[in-house]
C-alpha atoms as a PDB file:
ATOM      1  CA  UNK A   1      33.625  29.155  59.168  1.00  0.00           C
ATOM      2  CA  UNK A   2      36.654  31.215  58.101  1.00  0.00           C
ATOM      3  CA  UNK A   3      36.126  34.909  58.046  1.00  0.00           C
ATOM      4  CA  UNK A   4      37.085  37.052  54.976  1.00  0.00           C
ATOM      5  CA  UNK A   5      39.781  39.441  56.012  1.00  0.00           C
ATOM      6  CA  UNK A   6      38.162  42.894  56.649  1.00  0.00           C
ATOM      7  CA  UNK A   7      40.077  45.914  55.512  1.00  0.00           C
ATOM      8  CA  UNK A   8      39.609  48.088  58.637  1.00  0.00           C
ATOM      9  CA  UNK A   9      41.937  50.571  60.223  1.00  0.00           C
ATOM     10  CA  UNK A  10      43.738  48.904  63.084  1.00  0.00           C
ATOM     11  CA  UNK A  11      42.496  45.415  62.312  1.00  0.00           C
ATOM     12  CA  UNK A  12      45.619  43.685  63.610  1.00  0.00           C
ATOM     13  CA  UNK A  13      46.690  40.475  61.780  1.00  0.00           C
ATOM     14  CA  UNK A  14      49.411  37.842  62.286  1.00  0.00           C
ATOM     15  CA  UNK A  15      51.290  36.463  59.249  1.00  0.00           C
ATOM     16  CA  UNK A  16      52.866  32.967  59.667  1.00  0.00           C
ATOM     17  CA  UNK A  17      55.427  31.868  57.045  1.00  0.00           C
ATOM     18  CA  UNK A  18      56.612  28.257  57.187  1.00  0.00           C
ATOM     19  CA  UNK A  19      60.332  28.052  57.737  1.00  0.00           C
ATOM     20  CA  UNK A  20      60.608  31.978  58.126  1.00  0.00           C
ATOM     21  CA  UNK A  21      58.618  33.107  61.212  1.00  0.00           C
ATOM     22  CA  UNK A  22      55.628  34.902  62.475  1.00  0.00           C
ATOM     23  CA  UNK A  23      54.918  38.697  61.845  1.00  0.00           C
ATOM     24  CA  UNK A  24      52.468  41.178  63.163  1.00  0.00           C
ATOM     25  CA  UNK A  25      50.733  43.073  60.476  1.00  0.00           C
ATOM     26  CA  UNK A  26      49.352  46.519  61.226  1.00  0.00           C
ATOM     27  CA  UNK A  27      47.268  48.174  58.500  1.00  0.00           C
ATOM     28  CA  UNK A  28      46.468  51.351  60.379  1.00  0.00           C
ATOM     29  CA  UNK A  29      47.717  54.753  59.371  1.00  0.00           C
ATOM     30  CA  UNK A  30      48.335  55.596  63.226  1.00  0.00           C
ATOM     31  CA  UNK A  31      50.146  53.097  65.263  1.00  0.00           C
ATOM     32  CA  UNK A  32      50.459  53.533  69.029  1.00  0.00           C
ATOM     33  CA  UNK A  33      53.427  51.846  70.586  1.00  0.00           C
ATOM     34  CA  UNK A  34      53.442  51.131  74.295  1.00  0.00           C
ATOM     35  CA  UNK A  35      53.219  48.672  77.263  1.00  0.00           C
ATOM     36  CA  UNK A  36      51.933  45.217  76.643  1.00  0.00           C
ATOM     37  CA  UNK A  37      48.915  45.566  78.908  1.00  0.00           C
ATOM     38  CA  UNK A  38      45.322  45.443  77.896  1.00  0.00           C
ATOM     39  CA  UNK A  39      44.267  48.620  79.515  1.00  0.00           C
ATOM     40  CA  UNK A  40      46.963  50.513  77.617  1.00  0.00           C
ATOM     41  CA  UNK A  41      45.017  50.109  74.362  1.00  0.00           C
ATOM     42  CA  UNK A  42      47.953  50.233  72.111  1.00  0.00           C
ATOM     43  CA  UNK A  43      48.406  48.863  68.589  1.00  0.00           C
ATOM     44  CA  UNK A  44      51.974  47.565  69.041  1.00  0.00           C
ATOM     45  CA  UNK A  45      52.334  46.139  72.598  1.00  0.00           C
ATOM     46  CA  UNK A  46      56.046  45.555  73.774  1.00  0.00           C
ATOM     47  CA  UNK A  47      57.152  43.779  76.887  1.00  0.00           C
ATOM     48  CA  UNK A  48      59.618  46.344  78.059  1.00  0.00           C
ATOM     49  CA  UNK A  49      60.216  49.400  80.335  1.00  0.00           C
ATOM     50  CA  UNK A  50      57.869  51.791  78.457  1.00  0.00           C
ATOM     51  CA  UNK A  51      55.093  54.166  79.210  1.00  0.00           C
ATOM     52  CA  UNK A  52      51.654  52.893  78.568  1.00  0.00           C
ATOM     53  CA  UNK A  53      51.462  54.861  75.457  1.00  0.00           C
ATOM     54  CA  UNK A  54      54.976  55.768  74.602  1.00  0.00           C
ATOM     55  CA  UNK A  55      55.240  56.805  70.862  1.00  0.00           C
ATOM     56  CA  UNK A  56      53.128  57.083  67.674  1.00  0.00           C
ATOM     57  CA  UNK A  57      54.107  56.112  64.096  1.00  0.00           C
ATOM     58  CA  UNK A  58      51.910  57.871  61.574  1.00  0.00           C
ATOM     59  CA  UNK A  59      51.625  57.200  57.841  1.00  0.00           C
ATOM     60  CA  UNK A  60      50.625  59.989  55.416  1.00  0.00           C
ATOM     61  CA  UNK A  61      50.906  59.889  51.548  1.00  0.00           C
ATOM     62  CA  UNK A  62      53.472  56.984  51.830  1.00  0.00           C
ATOM     63  CA  UNK A  63      55.641  58.790  54.360  1.00  0.00           C
ATOM     64  CA  UNK A  64      56.223  57.967  57.989  1.00  0.00           C
ATOM     65  CA  UNK A  65      56.463  60.220  61.085  1.00  0.00           C
ATOM     66  CA  UNK A  66      57.670  59.324  64.638  1.00  0.00           C
ATOM     67  CA  UNK A  67      55.843  61.188  67.206  1.00  0.00           C
ATOM     68  CA  UNK A  68      57.136  61.020  70.824  1.00  0.00           C
ATOM     69  CA  UNK A  69      54.721  60.645  73.693  1.00  0.00           C
ATOM     70  CA  UNK A  70      57.562  59.923  76.171  1.00  0.00           C
ATOM     71  CA  UNK A  71      61.322  59.648  75.993  1.00  0.00           C
ATOM     72  CA  UNK A  72      62.210  58.803  72.422  1.00  0.00           C
ATOM     73  CA  UNK A  73      65.438  58.958  70.381  1.00  0.00           C
ATOM     74  CA  UNK A  74      65.945  58.858  66.675  1.00  0.00           C
ATOM     75  CA  UNK A  75      69.339  57.726  65.512  1.00  0.00           C
ATOM     76  CA  UNK A  76      70.703  58.399  69.062  1.00  0.00           C
ATOM     77  CA  UNK A  77      69.219  61.882  69.258  1.00  0.00           C
ATOM     78  CA  UNK A  78      66.329  62.692  71.560  1.00  0.00           C
ATOM     79  CA  UNK A  79      63.284  64.066  69.844  1.00  0.00           C
ATOM     80  CA  UNK A  80      60.477  66.320  71.191  1.00  0.00           C
ATOM     81  CA  UNK A  81      58.344  66.721  68.075  1.00  0.00           C
ATOM     82  CA  UNK A  82      57.279  64.553  65.250  1.00  0.00           C
ATOM     83  CA  UNK A  83      60.158  63.579  62.915  1.00  0.00           C
ATOM     84  CA  UNK A  84      60.180  61.813  59.515  1.00  0.00           C
ATOM     85  CA  UNK A  85      61.303  58.270  59.217  1.00  0.00           C
ATOM     86  CA  UNK A  86      63.787  57.008  56.664  1.00  0.00           C
ATOM     87  CA  UNK A  87      64.942  53.448  55.690  1.00  0.00           C
ATOM     88  CA  UNK A  88      67.371  51.993  58.348  1.00  0.00           C
ATOM     89  CA  UNK A  89      66.505  54.577  61.098  1.00  0.00           C
ATOM     90  CA  UNK A  90      67.016  53.404  64.628  1.00  0.00           C
ATOM     91  CA  UNK A  91      64.376  54.077  67.190  1.00  0.00           C
ATOM     92  CA  UNK A  92      64.943  54.089  70.848  1.00  0.00           C
ATOM     93  CA  UNK A  93      62.060  54.286  73.296  1.00  0.00           C
ATOM     94  CA  UNK A  94      62.927  54.801  77.008  1.00  0.00           C
ATOM     95  CA  UNK A  95      66.311  53.463  78.138  1.00  0.00           C
ATOM     96  CA  UNK A  96      66.395  50.121  76.502  1.00  0.00           C
ATOM     97  CA  UNK A  97      63.802  49.322  73.796  1.00  0.00           C
ATOM     98  CA  UNK A  98      65.345  49.596  70.369  1.00  0.00           C
ATOM     99  CA  UNK A  99      63.976  49.108  66.997  1.00  0.00           C
ATOM    100  CA  UNK A 100      64.900  49.333  63.284  1.00  0.00           C
ATOM    101  CA  UNK A 101      62.749  50.992  60.834  1.00  0.00           C
ATOM    102  CA  UNK A 102      62.856  49.886  57.246  1.00  0.00           C
ATOM    103  CA  UNK A 103      60.991  51.037  54.085  1.00  0.00           C
ATOM    104  CA  UNK A 104      62.837  48.773  51.674  1.00  0.00           C
ATOM    105  CA  UNK A 105      60.998  48.394  48.592  1.00  0.00           C
ATOM    106  CA  UNK A 106      60.683  51.209  45.943  1.00  0.00           C
ATOM    107  CA  UNK A 107      57.400  49.912  44.681  1.00  0.00           C
ATOM    108  CA  UNK A 108      55.579  49.784  47.971  1.00  0.00           C
ATOM    109  CA  UNK A 109      54.689  52.272  50.742  1.00  0.00           C
ATOM    110  CA  UNK A 110      54.667  49.643  53.360  1.00  0.00           C
ATOM    111  CA  UNK A 111      57.343  49.548  55.994  1.00  0.00           C
ATOM    112  CA  UNK A 112      58.716  47.263  58.709  1.00  0.00           C
ATOM    113  CA  UNK A 113      59.828  47.502  62.309  1.00  0.00           C
ATOM    114  CA  UNK A 114      62.155  45.024  64.046  1.00  0.00           C
ATOM    115  CA  UNK A 115      63.162  44.887  67.757  1.00  0.00           C
ATOM    116  CA  UNK A 116      66.867  44.848  67.885  1.00  0.00           C
ATOM    117  CA  UNK A 117      66.967  44.944  71.710  1.00  0.00           C
ATOM    118  CA  UNK A 118      66.188  42.012  74.055  1.00  0.00           C
ATOM    119  CA  UNK A 119      62.498  42.870  74.418  1.00  0.00           C
ATOM    120  CA  UNK A 120      59.698  41.207  72.509  1.00  0.00           C
ATOM    121  CA  UNK A 121      56.252  42.145  71.288  1.00  0.00           C
ATOM    122  CA  UNK A 122      53.124  40.569  72.805  1.00  0.00           C
ATOM    123  CA  UNK A 123      52.245  38.227  71.166  1.00  0.00           C
ATOM    124  CA  UNK A 124      55.881  37.300  70.268  1.00  0.00           C
ATOM    125  CA  UNK A 125      56.927  38.043  66.688  1.00  0.00           C
ATOM    126  CA  UNK A 126      59.893  38.107  64.391  1.00  0.00           C
ATOM    127  CA  UNK A 127      58.925  41.497  63.026  1.00  0.00           C
ATOM    128  CA  UNK A 128      56.239  44.145  62.577  1.00  0.00           C
ATOM    129  CA  UNK A 129      54.850  44.866  59.176  1.00  0.00           C
ATOM    130  CA  UNK A 130      53.178  48.293  58.584  1.00  0.00           C
ATOM    131  CA  UNK A 131      50.769  47.558  55.812  1.00  0.00           C
ATOM    132  CA  UNK A 132      50.040  50.461  53.500  1.00  0.00           C
ATOM    133  CA  UNK A 133      49.288  49.102  49.993  1.00  0.00           C
ATOM    134  CA  UNK A 134      51.149  45.854  49.670  1.00  0.00           C
ATOM    135  CA  UNK A 135      53.504  43.564  51.361  1.00  0.00           C
ATOM    136  CA  UNK A 136      56.183  41.825  49.231  1.00  0.00           C
ATOM    137  CA  UNK A 137      57.647  38.416  50.537  1.00  0.00           C
ATOM    138  CA  UNK A 138      60.278  36.489  48.641  1.00  0.00           C
ATOM    139  CA  UNK A 139      63.982  35.953  48.211  1.00  0.00           C
ATOM    140  CA  UNK A 140      65.124  39.491  47.350  1.00  0.00           C
ATOM    141  CA  UNK A 141      66.876  41.787  50.000  1.00  0.00           C
ATOM    142  CA  UNK A 142      64.532  44.575  49.428  1.00  0.00           C
ATOM    143  CA  UNK A 143      61.411  42.702  50.301  1.00  0.00           C
ATOM    144  CA  UNK A 144      59.429  43.298  53.441  1.00  0.00           C
ATOM    145  CA  UNK A 145      59.940  39.696  54.442  1.00  0.00           C
ATOM    146  CA  UNK A 146      62.899  37.753  53.122  1.00  0.00           C
ATOM    147  CA  UNK A 147      62.094  34.175  52.301  1.00  0.00           C
ATOM    148  CA  UNK A 148      65.344  32.685  51.126  1.00  0.00           C
ATOM    149  CA  UNK A 149      64.028  29.335  49.967  1.00  0.00           C
ATOM    150  CA  UNK A 150      61.413  30.802  47.759  1.00  0.00           C
ATOM    151  CA  UNK A 151      61.952  31.074  43.962  1.00  0.00           C
ATOM    152  CA  UNK A 152      59.408  33.877  43.365  1.00  0.00           C
ATOM    153  CA  UNK A 153      57.965  36.890  45.149  1.00  0.00           C
ATOM    154  CA  UNK A 154      54.365  36.737  46.586  1.00  0.00           C
ATOM    155  CA  UNK A 155      52.522  39.997  47.079  1.00  0.00           C
ATOM    156  CA  UNK A 156      49.850  40.592  49.636  1.00  0.00           C
ATOM    157  CA  UNK A 157      47.912  43.729  48.667  1.00  0.00           C
ATOM    158  CA  UNK A 158      44.889  45.703  49.906  1.00  0.00           C
ATOM    159  CA  UNK A 159      41.691  45.823  47.885  1.00  0.00           C
ATOM    160  CA  UNK A 160      38.226  47.062  48.799  1.00  0.00           C
ATOM    161  CA  UNK A 161      36.900  44.705  51.588  1.00  0.00           C
ATOM    162  CA  UNK A 162      40.085  42.694  52.245  1.00  0.00           C
ATOM    163  CA  UNK A 163      43.415  41.411  51.292  1.00  0.00           C
ATOM    164  CA  UNK A 164      44.427  39.619  48.127  1.00  0.00           C
ATOM    165  CA  UNK A 165      47.530  37.932  46.878  1.00  0.00           C
ATOM    166  CA  UNK A 166      49.306  37.541  43.590  1.00  0.00           C
ATOM    167  CA  UNK A 167      52.549  35.783  42.435  1.00  0.00           C
ATOM    168  CA  UNK A 168      54.138  34.290  39.399  1.00  0.00           C
ATOM    169  CA  UNK A 169      53.972  30.935  41.207  1.00  0.00           C
ATOM    170  CA  UNK A 170      50.614  29.038  41.479  1.00  0.00           C
ATOM    171  CA  UNK A 171      49.012  29.621  44.808  1.00  0.00           C
ATOM    172  CA  UNK A 172      46.372  27.328  46.339  1.00  0.00           C
ATOM    173  CA  UNK A 173      44.475  27.176  49.620  1.00  0.00           C
ATOM    174  CA  UNK A 174      43.981  24.253  51.979  1.00  0.00           C
ATOM    175  CA  UNK A 175      40.252  24.071  50.968  1.00  0.00           C
ATOM    176  CA  UNK A 176      40.501  24.019  47.118  1.00  0.00           C
ATOM    177  CA  UNK A 177      42.855  23.217  44.196  1.00  0.00           C
ATOM    178  CA  UNK A 178      41.839  26.582  42.639  1.00  0.00           C
ATOM    179  CA  UNK A 179      44.180  29.448  42.200  1.00  0.00           C
ATOM    180  CA  UNK A 180      43.990  31.683  45.342  1.00  0.00           C
ATOM    181  CA  UNK A 181      43.391  35.431  44.838  1.00  0.00           C
ATOM    182  CA  UNK A 182      41.315  36.623  47.876  1.00  0.00           C
ATOM    183  CA  UNK A 183      42.673  35.670  51.409  1.00  0.00           C
ATOM    184  CA  UNK A 184      40.618  34.145  54.197  1.00  0.00           C
ATOM    185  CA  UNK A 185      41.560  34.289  57.813  1.00  0.00           C
ATOM    186  CA  UNK A 186      43.092  31.113  59.102  1.00  0.00           C
ATOM    187  CA  UNK A 187      43.204  29.360  55.728  1.00  0.00           C
ATOM    188  CA  UNK A 188      46.726  28.291  54.741  1.00  0.00           C
ATOM    189  CA  UNK A 189      48.109  29.010  51.293  1.00  0.00           C
ATOM    190  CA  UNK A 190      50.489  26.960  49.411  1.00  0.00           C
ATOM    191  CA  UNK A 191      52.724  27.414  46.371  1.00  0.00           C
ATOM    192  CA  UNK A 192      55.377  25.796  44.377  1.00  0.00           C
ATOM    193  CA  UNK A 193      58.411  24.296  46.348  1.00  0.00           C
ATOM    194  CA  UNK A 194      58.783  26.079  49.842  1.00  0.00           C
ATOM    195  CA  UNK A 195      55.962  28.636  49.658  1.00  0.00           C
ATOM    196  CA  UNK A 196      53.513  28.117  52.643  1.00  0.00           C
ATOM    197  CA  UNK A 197      51.777  30.910  54.740  1.00  0.00           C
ATOM    198  CA  UNK A 198      48.710  31.787  56.570  1.00  0.00           C
ATOM    199  CA  UNK A 199      47.050  35.092  57.779  1.00  0.00           C
ATOM    200  CA  UNK A 200      45.173  35.135  61.193  1.00  0.00           C
ATOM    201  CA  UNK A 201      43.673  37.691  63.390  1.00  0.00           C
ATOM    202  CA  UNK A 202      45.500  38.544  66.525  1.00  0.00           C
ATOM    203  CA  UNK A 203      43.327  41.532  67.740  1.00  0.00           C
ATOM    204  CA  UNK A 204      42.037  39.859  70.923  1.00  0.00           C
ATOM    205  CA  UNK A 205      45.451  38.127  71.821  1.00  0.00           C
ATOM    206  CA  UNK A 206      47.349  41.248  73.048  1.00  0.00           C
END
């Protein structure tokens, strides 16, 4: 039986979008970045030359702070205290791990991280989505996930007890022909033309 998505802090999810890629979804307000090893207990595991717990990204009232726990640079400058993050900021952890921070959509407090160096996350992903209130997928450049073949945006948003979805396009699940509103883990969602995605749990994969 599929499980309804629970709205818990640090309940890590994986979003699969057909023809686009796979994304790690982190709903927590406090994201620990570090080594991809089970004993490190981090929220964002990276296969790279990092400390076990290397840095924190904190969200408060829609704004983000980068807190160094080990050698960390923001836009090329080493930081020793928490610093605010802005759209298109470049984060460097240690000597070689580099990420790009984006807070692209003016109507959402959610943000994204993307590895721009050769390292990868564990499990591998095409990007990291820091879920605050909503995630917007679709063809527009300001979306959290750009889906160039889609005609309309699809919005994933938090509500008490889970995640829901809305769009101008009709969305259906693999189990019913009825319009989908509430998401269920592991249940594919289909829309008009190219729209096809699924949300799964990845908490016990890292």
